[in-house]
Amino acid sequence: MKLSTKKTIDLPKIVLHLVEEGLVLGKPKNNIVLEIEDIQEIDQLIYDKLVFGNPFVVIIDARDVDSTVSREAREFLSKNELVLPIRKAQAIVVNNLHTKLLANFYMKFHKPINPIKVFSDYASAYQWIKPIRDEWYS
């Protein structure tokens, strides 16, 4: 699937794309560990530079990535008061067992309050999350 983006922010551990208004795509880089400081920076940049405090949904494209997220970062991600009220849903796209287990662990033990679902392809993730995004944008 060819992806066009409105804006891109390339960080040392992840690339963030504003795919369309209110839809952020995060593509982690390979062989990294996302720490709490990384998540704080990512969330702040999404808030300040991509969505400007408006509601958004996020797709994390973790296909072909052998990376992880620290326990502290997962906890923070599920409770960050900056984006929690405006992050309306999360979709995680995976294609390997390690990443799928990590995503399922995050959902089960950190219990994010927003809807979250794991997919094996981007098109299915987009199809699921687009109607949620469309509740705020038309």
N, C-alpha and C. Protein backbone atom coordinates (compact mmCIF):
# COMPACT_ATOMS: atom_id res chain seq x y z
N MET A 1 0.83 -1.17 0.00
CA MET A 1 0.00 0.00 0.00
C MET A 1 0.88 1.25 0.00
N LYS A 2 0.76 2.10 -1.00
CA LYS A 2 1.51 3.34 -1.10
C LYS A 2 0.95 4.34 -0.11
N LEU A 3 1.83 4.99 0.60
CA LEU A 3 1.42 5.90 1.67
C LEU A 3 1.89 7.31 1.34
N SER A 4 0.96 8.24 1.32
CA SER A 4 1.36 9.64 1.20
C SER A 4 1.11 10.30 2.55
N THR A 5 1.96 11.22 2.91
CA THR A 5 1.84 11.84 4.21
C THR A 5 1.83 13.36 4.08
N LYS A 6 1.19 14.00 5.06
CA LYS A 6 1.14 15.46 5.09
C LYS A 6 2.37 16.03 5.78
N LYS A 7 2.90 15.28 6.77
CA LYS A 7 4.06 15.75 7.52
C LYS A 7 4.78 14.56 8.11
N THR A 8 6.11 14.63 8.17
CA THR A 8 6.93 13.55 8.72
C THR A 8 7.91 14.12 9.74
N ILE A 9 8.06 13.41 10.85
CA ILE A 9 9.07 13.75 11.86
C ILE A 9 9.93 12.51 12.05
N ASP A 10 11.20 12.62 11.71
CA ASP A 10 12.14 11.51 11.79
C ASP A 10 12.98 11.65 13.06
N LEU A 11 12.72 10.78 14.03
CA LEU A 11 13.44 10.76 15.30
C LEU A 11 14.43 9.60 15.30
N PRO A 12 15.36 9.58 16.25
CA PRO A 12 16.35 8.49 16.26
C PRO A 12 15.74 7.09 16.38
N LYS A 13 14.58 6.94 17.05
CA LYS A 13 14.03 5.61 17.28
C LYS A 13 12.71 5.34 16.57
N ILE A 14 12.10 6.35 15.97
CA ILE A 14 10.80 6.17 15.32
C ILE A 14 10.60 7.27 14.28
N VAL A 15 9.84 6.95 13.26
CA VAL A 15 9.43 7.96 12.29
C VAL A 15 7.93 8.15 12.46
N LEU A 16 7.50 9.41 12.61
CA LEU A 16 6.09 9.74 12.77
C LEU A 16 5.59 10.39 11.49
N HIS A 17 4.44 9.95 11.03
CA HIS A 17 3.83 10.51 9.83
C HIS A 17 2.42 10.98 10.16
N LEU A 18 2.07 12.16 9.72
CA LEU A 18 0.68 12.58 9.73
C LEU A 18 0.12 12.15 8.39
N VAL A 19 -0.66 11.06 8.39
CA VAL A 19 -1.18 10.48 7.16
C VAL A 19 -2.32 11.33 6.62
N GLU A 20 -3.19 11.72 7.51
CA GLU A 20 -4.28 12.64 7.21
C GLU A 20 -4.66 13.30 8.52
N GLU A 21 -5.43 14.35 8.46
CA GLU A 21 -5.79 15.06 9.69
C GLU A 21 -6.35 14.08 10.72
N GLY A 22 -5.71 14.05 11.89
CA GLY A 22 -6.17 13.18 12.97
C GLY A 22 -5.72 11.73 12.88
N LEU A 23 -4.87 11.39 11.91
CA LEU A 23 -4.37 10.01 11.80
C LEU A 23 -2.84 10.04 11.75
N VAL A 24 -2.23 9.52 12.82
CA VAL A 24 -0.78 9.48 12.94
C VAL A 24 -0.31 8.04 12.74
N LEU A 25 0.74 7.88 11.95
CA LEU A 25 1.38 6.59 11.75
C LEU A 25 2.75 6.65 12.38
N GLY A 26 3.05 5.70 13.27
CA GLY A 26 4.37 5.60 13.88
C GLY A 26 5.06 4.35 13.36
N LYS A 27 6.28 4.50 12.86
CA LYS A 27 7.06 3.38 12.36
C LYS A 27 8.35 3.29 13.16
N PRO A 28 8.37 2.40 14.20
CA PRO A 28 9.61 2.26 14.98
C PRO A 28 10.77 1.78 14.11
N LYS A 29 11.95 2.20 14.48
CA LYS A 29 13.14 1.75 13.76
C LYS A 29 13.57 0.40 14.34
N ASN A 30 14.42 -0.30 13.61
CA ASN A 30 14.82 -1.65 13.98
C ASN A 30 15.89 -1.63 15.07
N ASN A 31 15.84 -2.66 15.92
CA ASN A 31 16.84 -2.89 16.96
C ASN A 31 16.99 -1.73 17.94
N ILE A 32 15.85 -1.24 18.43
CA ILE A 32 15.89 -0.16 19.41
C ILE A 32 15.04 -0.57 20.62
N VAL A 33 15.23 0.13 21.71
CA VAL A 33 14.38 0.00 22.89
C VAL A 33 13.79 1.38 23.15
N LEU A 34 12.47 1.47 23.09
CA LEU A 34 11.81 2.73 23.41
C LEU A 34 11.71 2.85 24.93
N GLU A 35 12.32 3.90 25.46
CA GLU A 35 12.31 4.17 26.89
C GLU A 35 11.28 5.25 27.20
N ILE A 36 11.02 5.47 28.47
CA ILE A 36 10.01 6.45 28.87
C ILE A 36 10.31 7.84 28.30
N GLU A 37 11.59 8.22 28.25
CA GLU A 37 11.95 9.53 27.70
C GLU A 37 11.58 9.62 26.23
N ASP A 38 11.74 8.52 25.50
CA ASP A 38 11.37 8.50 24.08
C ASP A 38 9.87 8.69 23.92
N ILE A 39 9.08 7.97 24.72
CA ILE A 39 7.62 8.07 24.64
C ILE A 39 7.17 9.48 25.00
N GLN A 40 7.79 10.08 26.01
CA GLN A 40 7.44 11.46 26.38
C GLN A 40 7.70 12.41 25.21
N GLU A 41 8.85 12.25 24.56
CA GLU A 41 9.18 13.11 23.41
C GLU A 41 8.23 12.86 22.25
N ILE A 42 7.94 11.60 21.97
CA ILE A 42 7.03 11.25 20.88
C ILE A 42 5.64 11.85 21.12
N ASP A 43 5.10 11.64 22.31
CA ASP A 43 3.77 12.16 22.61
C ASP A 43 3.74 13.68 22.54
N GLN A 44 4.78 14.34 23.03
CA GLN A 44 4.82 15.79 22.99
C GLN A 44 4.87 16.30 21.55
N LEU A 45 5.65 15.64 20.71
CA LEU A 45 5.74 16.05 19.30
C LEU A 45 4.42 15.80 18.57
N ILE A 46 3.78 14.67 18.84
CA ILE A 46 2.47 14.42 18.23
C ILE A 46 1.52 15.54 18.63
N TYR A 47 1.49 15.86 19.91
CA TYR A 47 0.59 16.89 20.44
C TYR A 47 0.89 18.26 19.82
N ASP A 48 2.17 18.65 19.84
CA ASP A 48 2.57 20.01 19.42
C ASP A 48 2.70 20.19 17.92
N LYS A 49 3.19 19.18 17.21
CA LYS A 49 3.57 19.37 15.80
C LYS A 49 2.65 18.67 14.79
N LEU A 50 1.91 17.65 15.25
CA LEU A 50 1.09 16.91 14.28
C LEU A 50 -0.41 17.12 14.47
N VAL A 51 -0.89 17.10 15.71
CA VAL A 51 -2.34 17.20 15.92
C VAL A 51 -2.76 18.48 16.64
N PHE A 52 -1.80 19.22 17.18
CA PHE A 52 -2.07 20.52 17.81
C PHE A 52 -3.15 20.45 18.89
N GLY A 53 -3.11 19.37 19.68
CA GLY A 53 -4.04 19.21 20.79
C GLY A 53 -5.41 18.70 20.39
N ASN A 54 -5.60 18.35 19.12
CA ASN A 54 -6.89 17.85 18.64
C ASN A 54 -6.95 16.32 18.72
N PRO A 55 -8.15 15.75 18.71
CA PRO A 55 -8.28 14.28 18.77
C PRO A 55 -7.54 13.61 17.61
N PHE A 56 -7.00 12.42 17.90
CA PHE A 56 -6.30 11.67 16.86
C PHE A 56 -6.36 10.18 17.15
N VAL A 57 -6.07 9.41 16.12
CA VAL A 57 -5.88 7.97 16.24
C VAL A 57 -4.47 7.67 15.76
N VAL A 58 -3.95 6.53 16.18
CA VAL A 58 -2.58 6.20 15.80
C VAL A 58 -2.49 4.75 15.35
N ILE A 59 -1.75 4.55 14.27
CA ILE A 59 -1.39 3.21 13.81
C ILE A 59 0.12 3.06 14.03
N ILE A 60 0.51 2.03 14.77
CA ILE A 60 1.92 1.71 14.95
C ILE A 60 2.24 0.57 14.00
N ASP A 61 3.07 0.84 13.02
CA ASP A 61 3.46 -0.17 12.03
C ASP A 61 4.75 -0.82 12.50
N ALA A 62 4.61 -1.94 13.21
CA ALA A 62 5.77 -2.63 13.78
C ALA A 62 6.16 -3.86 12.96
N ARG A 63 5.74 -3.89 11.70
CA ARG A 63 6.12 -5.01 10.84
C ARG A 63 7.62 -4.93 10.54
N ASP A 64 8.24 -6.09 10.48
CA ASP A 64 9.65 -6.21 10.13
C ASP A 64 10.56 -5.40 11.06
N VAL A 65 10.13 -5.27 12.31
CA VAL A 65 10.91 -4.52 13.29
C VAL A 65 11.20 -5.44 14.47
N ASP A 66 12.47 -5.50 14.85
CA ASP A 66 12.87 -6.27 16.03
C ASP A 66 13.28 -5.27 17.11
N SER A 67 12.28 -4.67 17.74
CA SER A 67 12.51 -3.67 18.76
C SER A 67 11.58 -3.94 19.92
N THR A 68 11.74 -3.18 21.00
CA THR A 68 10.89 -3.39 22.16
C THR A 68 10.62 -2.06 22.87
N VAL A 69 9.73 -2.12 23.83
CA VAL A 69 9.35 -0.96 24.62
C VAL A 69 9.55 -1.34 26.09
N SER A 70 10.27 -0.52 26.84
CA SER A 70 10.53 -0.84 28.24
C SER A 70 9.24 -0.85 29.05
N ARG A 71 9.27 -1.53 30.19
CA ARG A 71 8.09 -1.61 31.06
C ARG A 71 7.62 -0.22 31.47
N GLU A 72 8.56 0.64 31.86
CA GLU A 72 8.21 2.00 32.28
C GLU A 72 7.57 2.77 31.13
N ALA A 73 8.09 2.59 29.93
CA ALA A 73 7.54 3.28 28.76
C ALA A 73 6.13 2.77 28.45
N ARG A 74 5.91 1.46 28.56
CA ARG A 74 4.56 0.92 28.32
C ARG A 74 3.57 1.46 29.34
N GLU A 75 3.99 1.52 30.60
CA GLU A 75 3.12 2.08 31.65
C GLU A 75 2.77 3.52 31.35
N PHE A 76 3.78 4.31 31.02
CA PHE A 76 3.56 5.72 30.71
C PHE A 76 2.65 5.88 29.50
N LEU A 77 2.87 5.07 28.49
CA LEU A 77 2.08 5.14 27.26
C LEU A 77 0.60 4.92 27.54
N SER A 78 0.29 4.06 28.47
CA SER A 78 -1.10 3.76 28.76
C SER A 78 -1.75 4.78 29.69
N LYS A 79 -0.93 5.69 30.28
CA LYS A 79 -1.47 6.62 31.27
C LYS A 79 -1.12 8.08 31.04
N ASN A 80 -0.43 8.41 29.95
CA ASN A 80 0.04 9.77 29.72
C ASN A 80 -1.13 10.75 29.60
N GLU A 81 -1.23 11.65 30.55
CA GLU A 81 -2.35 12.58 30.60
C GLU A 81 -2.33 13.62 29.50
N LEU A 82 -1.20 13.81 28.83
CA LEU A 82 -1.13 14.78 27.73
C LEU A 82 -1.98 14.31 26.55
N VAL A 83 -1.79 13.05 26.15
CA VAL A 83 -2.49 12.58 24.95
C VAL A 83 -3.66 11.64 25.23
N LEU A 84 -3.76 11.12 26.43
CA LEU A 84 -4.84 10.17 26.73
C LEU A 84 -6.23 10.71 26.39
N PRO A 85 -6.54 11.96 26.73
CA PRO A 85 -7.88 12.45 26.40
C PRO A 85 -8.13 12.64 24.90
N ILE A 86 -7.07 12.77 24.11
CA ILE A 86 -7.25 13.04 22.68
C ILE A 86 -6.86 11.87 21.78
N ARG A 87 -6.14 10.87 22.32
CA ARG A 87 -5.81 9.67 21.53
C ARG A 87 -7.01 8.75 21.61
N LYS A 88 -7.77 8.66 20.54
CA LYS A 88 -9.06 7.98 20.55
C LYS A 88 -8.97 6.48 20.27
N ALA A 89 -7.91 6.02 19.63
CA ALA A 89 -7.73 4.59 19.36
C ALA A 89 -6.30 4.34 18.90
N GLN A 90 -5.88 3.08 19.07
CA GLN A 90 -4.56 2.65 18.63
C GLN A 90 -4.69 1.34 17.87
N ALA A 91 -4.01 1.24 16.75
CA ALA A 91 -3.92 -0.01 16.01
C ALA A 91 -2.43 -0.35 15.91
N ILE A 92 -2.10 -1.60 16.16
CA ILE A 92 -0.72 -2.05 16.07
C ILE A 92 -0.64 -3.11 14.98
N VAL A 93 0.22 -2.88 14.00
CA VAL A 93 0.38 -3.81 12.88
C VAL A 93 1.66 -4.59 13.09
N VAL A 94 1.54 -5.91 13.13
CA VAL A 94 2.68 -6.79 13.40
C VAL A 94 2.75 -7.91 12.37
N ASN A 95 3.93 -8.48 12.21
CA ASN A 95 4.06 -9.66 11.36
C ASN A 95 5.07 -10.66 11.91
N ASN A 96 5.32 -10.57 13.22
CA ASN A 96 6.16 -11.59 13.84
C ASN A 96 5.66 -11.87 15.25
N LEU A 97 5.95 -13.02 15.75
CA LEU A 97 5.43 -13.48 17.03
C LEU A 97 5.91 -12.60 18.20
N HIS A 98 7.17 -12.22 18.20
CA HIS A 98 7.72 -11.41 19.28
C HIS A 98 6.92 -10.11 19.44
N THR A 99 6.69 -9.41 18.36
CA THR A 99 5.98 -8.14 18.42
C THR A 99 4.51 -8.34 18.77
N LYS A 100 3.93 -9.41 18.28
CA LYS A 100 2.53 -9.70 18.60
C LYS A 100 2.38 -9.98 20.10
N LEU A 101 3.30 -10.74 20.67
CA LEU A 101 3.26 -11.02 22.10
C LEU A 101 3.43 -9.75 22.92
N LEU A 102 4.34 -8.88 22.50
CA LEU A 102 4.55 -7.60 23.20
C LEU A 102 3.28 -6.74 23.14
N ALA A 103 2.65 -6.67 21.98
CA ALA A 103 1.41 -5.88 21.83
C ALA A 103 0.29 -6.45 22.69
N ASN A 104 0.14 -7.78 22.68
CA ASN A 104 -0.90 -8.40 23.49
C ASN A 104 -0.63 -8.22 24.99
N PHE A 105 0.64 -8.28 25.38
CA PHE A 105 1.02 -8.04 26.78
C PHE A 105 0.64 -6.62 27.18
N TYR A 106 0.96 -5.65 26.32
CA TYR A 106 0.62 -4.25 26.60
C TYR A 106 -0.89 -4.10 26.80
N MET A 107 -1.68 -4.70 25.93
CA MET A 107 -3.13 -4.58 26.03
C MET A 107 -3.67 -5.23 27.31
N LYS A 108 -3.13 -6.40 27.65
CA LYS A 108 -3.65 -7.16 28.79
C LYS A 108 -3.24 -6.57 30.13
N PHE A 109 -1.98 -6.18 30.26
CA PHE A 109 -1.46 -5.79 31.57
C PHE A 109 -1.44 -4.28 31.82
N HIS A 110 -1.42 -3.47 30.77
CA HIS A 110 -1.39 -2.03 30.96
C HIS A 110 -2.76 -1.41 30.71
N LYS A 111 -3.65 -2.16 30.12
CA LYS A 111 -5.06 -1.79 29.95
C LYS A 111 -5.28 -0.34 29.52
N PRO A 112 -4.83 0.02 28.32
CA PRO A 112 -5.10 1.38 27.84
C PRO A 112 -6.61 1.64 27.80
N ILE A 113 -7.02 2.87 28.11
CA ILE A 113 -8.45 3.14 28.17
C ILE A 113 -9.07 3.33 26.79
N ASN A 114 -8.26 3.66 25.80
CA ASN A 114 -8.77 3.83 24.45
C ASN A 114 -8.81 2.50 23.73
N PRO A 115 -9.70 2.35 22.74
CA PRO A 115 -9.72 1.10 21.98
C PRO A 115 -8.35 0.82 21.35
N ILE A 116 -7.97 -0.44 21.36
CA ILE A 116 -6.69 -0.86 20.79
C ILE A 116 -6.87 -2.24 20.20
N LYS A 117 -6.24 -2.46 19.06
CA LYS A 117 -6.38 -3.74 18.39
C LYS A 117 -5.09 -4.04 17.62
N VAL A 118 -4.77 -5.33 17.49
CA VAL A 118 -3.58 -5.77 16.77
C VAL A 118 -4.01 -6.35 15.42
N PHE A 119 -3.25 -6.02 14.38
CA PHE A 119 -3.54 -6.46 13.02
C PHE A 119 -2.29 -7.04 12.37
N SER A 120 -2.49 -7.82 11.33
CA SER A 120 -1.34 -8.37 10.60
C SER A 120 -1.07 -7.61 9.31
N ASP A 121 -1.94 -6.65 8.94
CA ASP A 121 -1.68 -5.85 7.75
C ASP A 121 -2.21 -4.43 7.95
N TYR A 122 -1.58 -3.50 7.26
CA TYR A 122 -1.90 -2.09 7.41
C TYR A 122 -3.32 -1.79 6.93
N ALA A 123 -3.74 -2.38 5.82
CA ALA A 123 -5.07 -2.10 5.26
C ALA A 123 -6.17 -2.42 6.26
N SER A 124 -6.07 -3.53 6.96
CA SER A 124 -7.08 -3.89 7.96
C SER A 124 -7.06 -2.93 9.14
N ALA A 125 -5.87 -2.52 9.57
CA ALA A 125 -5.75 -1.56 10.67
C ALA A 125 -6.39 -0.23 10.27
N TYR A 126 -6.12 0.21 9.07
CA TYR A 126 -6.68 1.47 8.58
C TYR A 126 -8.20 1.37 8.48
N GLN A 127 -8.69 0.27 7.97
CA GLN A 127 -10.14 0.07 7.82
C GLN A 127 -10.83 0.11 9.18
N TRP A 128 -10.19 -0.44 10.21
CA TRP A 128 -10.78 -0.43 11.56
C TRP A 128 -10.72 0.96 12.20
N ILE A 129 -9.60 1.66 12.03
CA ILE A 129 -9.39 2.90 12.77
C ILE A 129 -9.99 4.12 12.08
N LYS A 130 -10.15 4.07 10.77
CA LYS A 130 -10.66 5.22 10.01
C LYS A 130 -12.02 5.70 10.50
N PRO A 131 -13.02 4.83 10.74
CA PRO A 131 -14.31 5.32 11.23
C PRO A 131 -14.22 6.00 12.62
N ILE A 132 -13.27 5.56 13.44
CA ILE A 132 -13.07 6.20 14.74
C ILE A 132 -12.54 7.60 14.53
N ARG A 133 -11.57 7.74 13.66
CA ARG A 133 -11.00 9.06 13.31
C ARG A 133 -12.08 9.95 12.71
N ASP A 134 -12.95 9.37 11.88
CA ASP A 134 -13.96 10.15 11.18
C ASP A 134 -15.03 10.73 12.13
N GLU A 135 -15.10 10.22 13.36
CA GLU A 135 -16.02 10.80 14.32
C GLU A 135 -15.66 12.25 14.63
N TRP A 136 -14.39 12.64 14.44
CA TRP A 136 -13.94 14.00 14.72
C TRP A 136 -13.62 14.78 13.45
N TYR A 137 -13.39 14.09 12.36
CA TYR A 137 -13.00 14.74 11.11
C TYR A 137 -13.85 14.20 9.98
N SER A 138 -14.25 15.08 9.08
CA SER A 138 -15.03 14.59 7.92
C SER A 138 -14.41 15.05 6.62
